[in-house]
Amino acid sequence: MLLGLELGPLYEAFLREKNIIIRGMAHPFLFSQTETSRQEMSRFDLLRIFGALPVSPTNMYRLLSRKSFVLLYPGGAREALHRKGEEYKLYWPDQPEFVRMAARFDATIVPFGVGEDDIAEVVLDYDDQMNIPFVQRWIESMNQGVIRIRTDMDGEVGKQDFHLPGLLPKVPGRFYYLFGKPFETRGMDILKDRESAIEAYSRIKSETKSLMSYLLKKREEDPYRSVVQRTVYQNSWGVSTEVPTFDP
């Protein structure tokens, strides 16, 4: 989930195989118009091309009211910009607001897990950078004037500055995706009963953790996990051939 690098293949696969456009919810920083942000975040233009919008209650409301397919990472920037040693950890807020929003439109929530091989290792994270005076000033300048989200929250997900972690490239592995059992909100008392919303939220989070744990375990059984092995396979059977993976 580092920097959301797995999103491009996911968007493309849904469009190619299902003819579905997924509308992602992204940090407002990626849509800011400052010169610094345009230069630093131009690599994320693909998200906007595929119809991503700044994450906000208003945009969520609009998309769900139009029956759009919405992709949301509840952990947001805190997960995408994780620190060293925090791979595959979830940092979801305590409030179940996205569940309540989905219930307002009888939307179905589909948990999914990503068991990717990070294609880069974090060697200089946010904490490291904030201890370097000139880098700290650069981060503060880059975030100046950017719309803040979750400023009313404490803990890990609140007040996360946008920054670019220092990365060390690795030999590419493989991205793994697994979708869980759909969670129907129709007919539930989530809007009226906050305890029901919290219970549903906990179930969805638990399912997401289970999916990720499963993928992290099963990827060890993938004979084509290495990019070298996949390249050899496609050279033998054709570049467009889908490369097999582990048995479920």
Protein backbone atom coordinates (compact mmCIF):
# COMPACT_ATOMS: atom_id res chain seq x y z
CA MET A 1 0.00 0.00 0.00
CA LEU A 2 3.06 2.23 -0.07
CA LEU A 3 2.09 5.43 -1.95
CA GLY A 4 -0.92 3.60 -3.38
CA LEU A 5 1.33 2.04 -6.04
CA GLU A 6 -1.10 -0.86 -6.43
CA LEU A 7 -3.97 1.35 -7.60
CA GLY A 8 -2.98 1.71 -11.26
CA PRO A 9 -3.18 -2.02 -12.10
CA LEU A 10 -6.39 -2.31 -10.07
CA TYR A 11 -8.12 0.51 -11.94
CA GLU A 12 -6.98 -0.80 -15.31
CA ALA A 13 -8.11 -4.36 -14.57
CA PHE A 14 -11.63 -3.30 -13.58
CA LEU A 15 -11.94 -1.15 -16.69
CA ARG A 16 -10.57 -3.85 -18.99
CA GLU A 17 -12.34 -6.89 -17.53
CA LYS A 18 -15.56 -5.44 -16.08
CA ASN A 19 -15.94 -2.18 -18.01
CA ILE A 20 -16.22 -0.48 -14.61
CA ILE A 21 -14.69 2.86 -13.72
CA ILE A 22 -13.69 2.98 -10.07
CA ARG A 23 -13.88 6.43 -8.52
CA GLY A 24 -11.14 6.64 -5.94
CA MET A 25 -11.06 8.94 -2.94
CA ALA A 26 -7.64 10.60 -2.68
CA HIS A 27 -5.95 13.12 -0.42
CA PRO A 28 -6.80 16.76 -1.36
CA PHE A 29 -3.09 17.48 -1.68
CA LEU A 30 -3.02 15.59 -4.99
CA PHE A 31 -5.51 18.09 -6.40
CA SER A 32 -3.94 21.27 -5.02
CA GLN A 33 -2.79 23.88 -7.50
CA THR A 34 0.39 25.14 -5.87
CA GLU A 35 3.52 25.04 -8.00
CA THR A 36 5.31 22.83 -5.49
CA SER A 37 2.54 20.26 -5.35
CA ARG A 38 2.23 20.11 -9.15
CA GLN A 39 5.91 19.39 -9.52
CA GLU A 40 6.15 16.86 -6.71
CA MET A 41 2.90 14.98 -7.34
CA SER A 42 2.70 14.87 -11.14
CA ARG A 43 3.41 11.14 -10.94
CA PHE A 44 -0.05 10.64 -9.44
CA ASP A 45 -1.89 12.13 -12.42
CA LEU A 46 -3.11 8.62 -13.29
CA LEU A 47 -5.47 8.74 -10.31
CA ARG A 48 -7.12 11.87 -11.64
CA ILE A 49 -7.32 10.46 -15.16
CA PHE A 50 -9.31 7.53 -13.76
CA GLY A 51 -11.74 9.89 -12.04
CA ALA A 52 -10.39 10.12 -8.51
CA LEU A 53 -11.76 12.95 -6.37
CA PRO A 54 -10.57 14.67 -3.18
CA VAL A 55 -11.81 12.68 -0.21
CA SER A 56 -14.60 14.55 1.54
CA PRO A 57 -18.11 13.80 2.84
CA THR A 58 -19.56 15.89 0.00
CA ASN A 59 -17.79 13.96 -2.75
CA MET A 60 -18.63 10.64 -1.11
CA TYR A 61 -22.28 11.69 -0.95
CA ARG A 62 -22.34 12.71 -4.61
CA LEU A 63 -20.73 9.52 -5.87
CA LEU A 64 -22.85 7.18 -3.78
CA SER A 65 -26.02 9.03 -4.75
CA ARG A 66 -25.11 8.35 -8.40
CA LYS A 67 -24.50 4.64 -7.69
CA SER A 68 -20.82 4.98 -8.59
CA PHE A 69 -18.21 2.40 -7.68
CA VAL A 70 -16.20 4.12 -4.95
CA LEU A 71 -12.78 3.05 -3.68
CA LEU A 72 -11.84 4.26 -0.21
CA TYR A 73 -8.85 3.49 1.97
CA PRO A 74 -10.05 4.42 5.48
CA GLY A 75 -6.42 4.67 6.64
CA GLY A 76 -5.75 7.33 4.02
CA ALA A 77 -2.38 9.06 3.90
CA ARG A 78 -1.27 7.46 7.17
CA GLU A 79 -1.20 4.04 5.50
CA ALA A 80 0.03 5.19 2.09
CA LEU A 81 2.90 7.08 3.74
CA HIS A 82 3.68 4.48 6.36
CA ARG A 83 6.83 4.56 8.45
CA LYS A 84 9.66 2.06 8.38
CA GLY A 85 8.55 -1.37 9.57
CA GLU A 86 4.83 -0.57 9.21
CA GLU A 87 4.11 -2.50 6.02
CA TYR A 88 0.60 -3.98 5.85
CA LYS A 89 -0.62 -2.30 9.04
CA LEU A 90 -4.05 -0.67 9.11
CA TYR A 91 -4.54 2.77 10.65
CA TRP A 92 -8.27 3.28 10.46
CA PRO A 93 -10.05 6.06 12.36
CA ASP A 94 -12.28 5.19 15.30
CA GLN A 95 -15.41 6.68 13.74
CA PRO A 96 -17.47 4.46 11.40
CA GLU A 97 -18.59 7.38 9.23
CA PHE A 98 -17.98 5.77 5.84
CA VAL A 99 -20.22 2.86 6.88
CA ARG A 100 -22.99 5.26 7.85
CA MET A 101 -22.58 7.13 4.56
CA ALA A 102 -22.85 3.88 2.60
CA ALA A 103 -25.95 2.88 4.56
CA ARG A 104 -27.64 6.14 3.64
CA PHE A 105 -27.74 4.92 0.02
CA ASP A 106 -28.12 1.18 0.73
CA ALA A 107 -24.68 0.70 -0.78
CA THR A 108 -22.83 -2.60 -0.63
CA ILE A 109 -19.38 -2.51 0.98
CA VAL A 110 -16.82 -4.97 -0.38
CA PRO A 111 -13.74 -5.37 1.83
CA PHE A 112 -10.56 -6.18 -0.03
CA GLY A 113 -7.01 -6.93 0.91
CA VAL A 114 -3.75 -6.10 -0.81
CA GLY A 115 -0.85 -8.49 -0.24
CA GLU A 116 1.62 -6.75 -2.46
CA ASP A 117 5.35 -7.00 -2.58
CA ASP A 118 6.45 -3.44 -1.90
CA ILE A 119 8.60 -2.44 -4.85
CA ALA A 120 10.56 -0.05 -2.66
CA GLU A 121 11.81 0.04 0.91
CA VAL A 122 11.27 3.09 3.11
CA VAL A 123 14.67 4.28 4.30
CA LEU A 124 13.78 7.86 5.27
CA ASP A 125 10.29 8.18 6.73
CA TYR A 126 8.29 11.13 8.05
CA ASP A 127 9.80 10.99 11.52
CA ASP A 128 13.32 10.98 10.06
CA GLN A 129 12.56 13.88 7.75
CA MET A 130 11.06 16.03 10.50
CA ASN A 131 14.38 15.74 12.35
CA ILE A 132 16.22 17.35 9.43
CA PRO A 133 15.66 21.13 9.62
CA PHE A 134 15.71 21.99 5.89
CA VAL A 135 13.55 18.97 5.01
CA GLN A 136 11.10 19.89 7.77
CA ARG A 137 10.79 23.39 6.30
CA TRP A 138 10.22 21.91 2.83
CA ILE A 139 7.42 19.65 4.12
CA GLU A 140 5.78 22.55 5.94
CA SER A 141 6.00 24.69 2.80
CA MET A 142 4.59 21.92 0.61
CA ASN A 143 1.59 21.47 2.93
CA GLN A 144 0.91 25.16 3.35
CA GLY A 145 -2.55 26.10 2.14
CA VAL A 146 -3.57 22.48 1.51
CA ILE A 147 -7.02 21.47 2.74
CA ARG A 148 -6.68 19.52 5.96
CA ILE A 149 -8.77 16.46 6.67
CA ARG A 150 -9.39 14.68 9.96
CA THR A 151 -8.06 17.64 11.92
CA ASP A 152 -10.57 16.81 14.65
CA MET A 153 -9.07 13.36 15.18
CA ASP A 154 -6.32 12.37 17.54
CA GLY A 155 -3.79 9.60 17.15
CA GLU A 156 -2.23 8.07 14.07
CA VAL A 157 -4.71 9.17 11.40
CA GLY A 158 -5.06 12.78 12.48
CA LYS A 159 -3.17 15.73 11.01
CA GLN A 160 -0.96 13.71 8.68
CA ASP A 161 1.34 15.93 6.62
CA PHE A 162 1.84 14.96 3.02
CA HIS A 163 5.45 14.19 2.15
CA LEU A 164 7.60 11.99 -0.06
CA PRO A 165 9.40 9.26 1.89
CA GLY A 166 12.95 8.35 0.97
CA LEU A 167 12.78 5.06 -0.92
CA LEU A 168 15.25 2.38 -1.91
CA PRO A 169 14.02 0.47 -5.00
CA LYS A 170 13.71 -3.30 -4.75
CA VAL A 171 13.45 -6.03 -7.37
CA PRO A 172 9.73 -5.92 -8.26
CA GLY A 173 7.64 -8.69 -6.80
CA ARG A 174 3.94 -9.01 -7.51
CA PHE A 175 0.72 -7.28 -6.49
CA TYR A 176 -1.97 -9.49 -4.95
CA TYR A 177 -5.63 -8.53 -4.53
CA LEU A 178 -8.41 -10.44 -2.81
CA PHE A 179 -12.02 -9.32 -2.42
CA GLY A 180 -14.05 -10.52 0.53
CA LYS A 181 -17.72 -11.20 1.11
CA PRO A 182 -19.92 -8.20 0.21
CA PHE A 183 -21.44 -6.44 3.20
CA GLU A 184 -25.03 -5.36 2.54
CA THR A 185 -26.19 -2.22 4.35
CA ARG A 186 -29.75 -2.35 3.03
CA GLY A 187 -32.27 -3.02 5.77
CA MET A 188 -29.84 -2.43 8.63
CA ASP A 189 -30.28 0.12 11.41
CA ILE A 190 -26.83 1.60 10.92
CA LEU A 191 -28.10 5.15 10.41
CA LYS A 192 -30.30 5.13 13.51
CA ASP A 193 -28.19 2.93 15.77
CA ARG A 194 -24.58 4.02 16.20
CA GLU A 195 -23.69 0.79 17.99
CA SER A 196 -24.78 -1.16 14.92
CA ALA A 197 -22.58 1.07 12.77
CA ILE A 198 -19.59 0.46 15.04
CA GLU A 199 -20.21 -3.30 14.95
CA ALA A 200 -20.43 -3.30 11.15
CA TYR A 201 -17.28 -1.18 10.94
CA SER A 202 -15.39 -3.63 13.17
CA ARG A 203 -16.51 -6.59 11.06
CA ILE A 204 -15.35 -4.91 7.84
CA LYS A 205 -11.99 -4.00 9.35
CA SER A 206 -11.52 -7.53 10.70
CA GLU A 207 -12.36 -9.00 7.29
CA THR A 208 -9.83 -6.69 5.63
CA LYS A 209 -7.12 -7.79 8.06
CA SER A 210 -7.94 -11.45 7.40
CA LEU A 211 -7.73 -10.97 3.63
CA MET A 212 -4.35 -9.30 3.91
CA SER A 213 -3.00 -11.98 6.25
CA TYR A 214 -4.17 -14.68 3.85
CA LEU A 215 -2.44 -13.04 0.88
CA LEU A 216 0.80 -12.45 2.77
CA LYS A 217 0.87 -16.14 3.65
CA LYS A 218 -0.22 -17.55 0.29
CA ARG A 219 2.14 -15.40 -1.78
CA GLU A 220 4.97 -17.55 -0.42
CA GLU A 221 3.47 -20.42 -2.46
CA ASP A 222 3.36 -18.44 -5.72
CA PRO A 223 5.82 -20.03 -8.18
CA TYR A 224 5.73 -16.84 -10.28
CA ARG A 225 6.13 -14.28 -7.53
CA SER A 226 9.44 -13.08 -8.98
CA VAL A 227 9.35 -10.73 -11.96
CA VAL A 228 12.05 -12.89 -13.57
CA GLN A 229 9.89 -16.02 -13.47
CA ARG A 230 6.88 -14.13 -14.83
CA THR A 231 8.97 -12.70 -17.66
CA VAL A 232 10.22 -16.15 -18.65
CA TYR A 233 6.65 -17.49 -18.58
CA GLN A 234 5.30 -14.72 -20.81
CA ASN A 235 8.20 -15.03 -23.22
CA SER A 236 7.21 -18.67 -23.63
CA TRP A 237 3.43 -18.28 -23.78
CA GLY A 238 2.91 -14.72 -24.99
CA VAL A 239 3.15 -11.29 -23.40
CA SER A 240 -0.64 -10.98 -23.04
CA THR A 241 -0.93 -14.37 -21.31
CA GLU A 242 -2.13 -14.23 -17.71
CA VAL A 243 0.56 -15.64 -15.45
CA PRO A 244 -0.69 -18.25 -12.93
CA THR A 245 -0.36 -17.75 -9.21
CA PHE A 246 -0.81 -19.82 -6.04
CA ASP A 247 -3.69 -22.27 -5.58
CA PRO A 248 -6.44 -20.86 -3.31
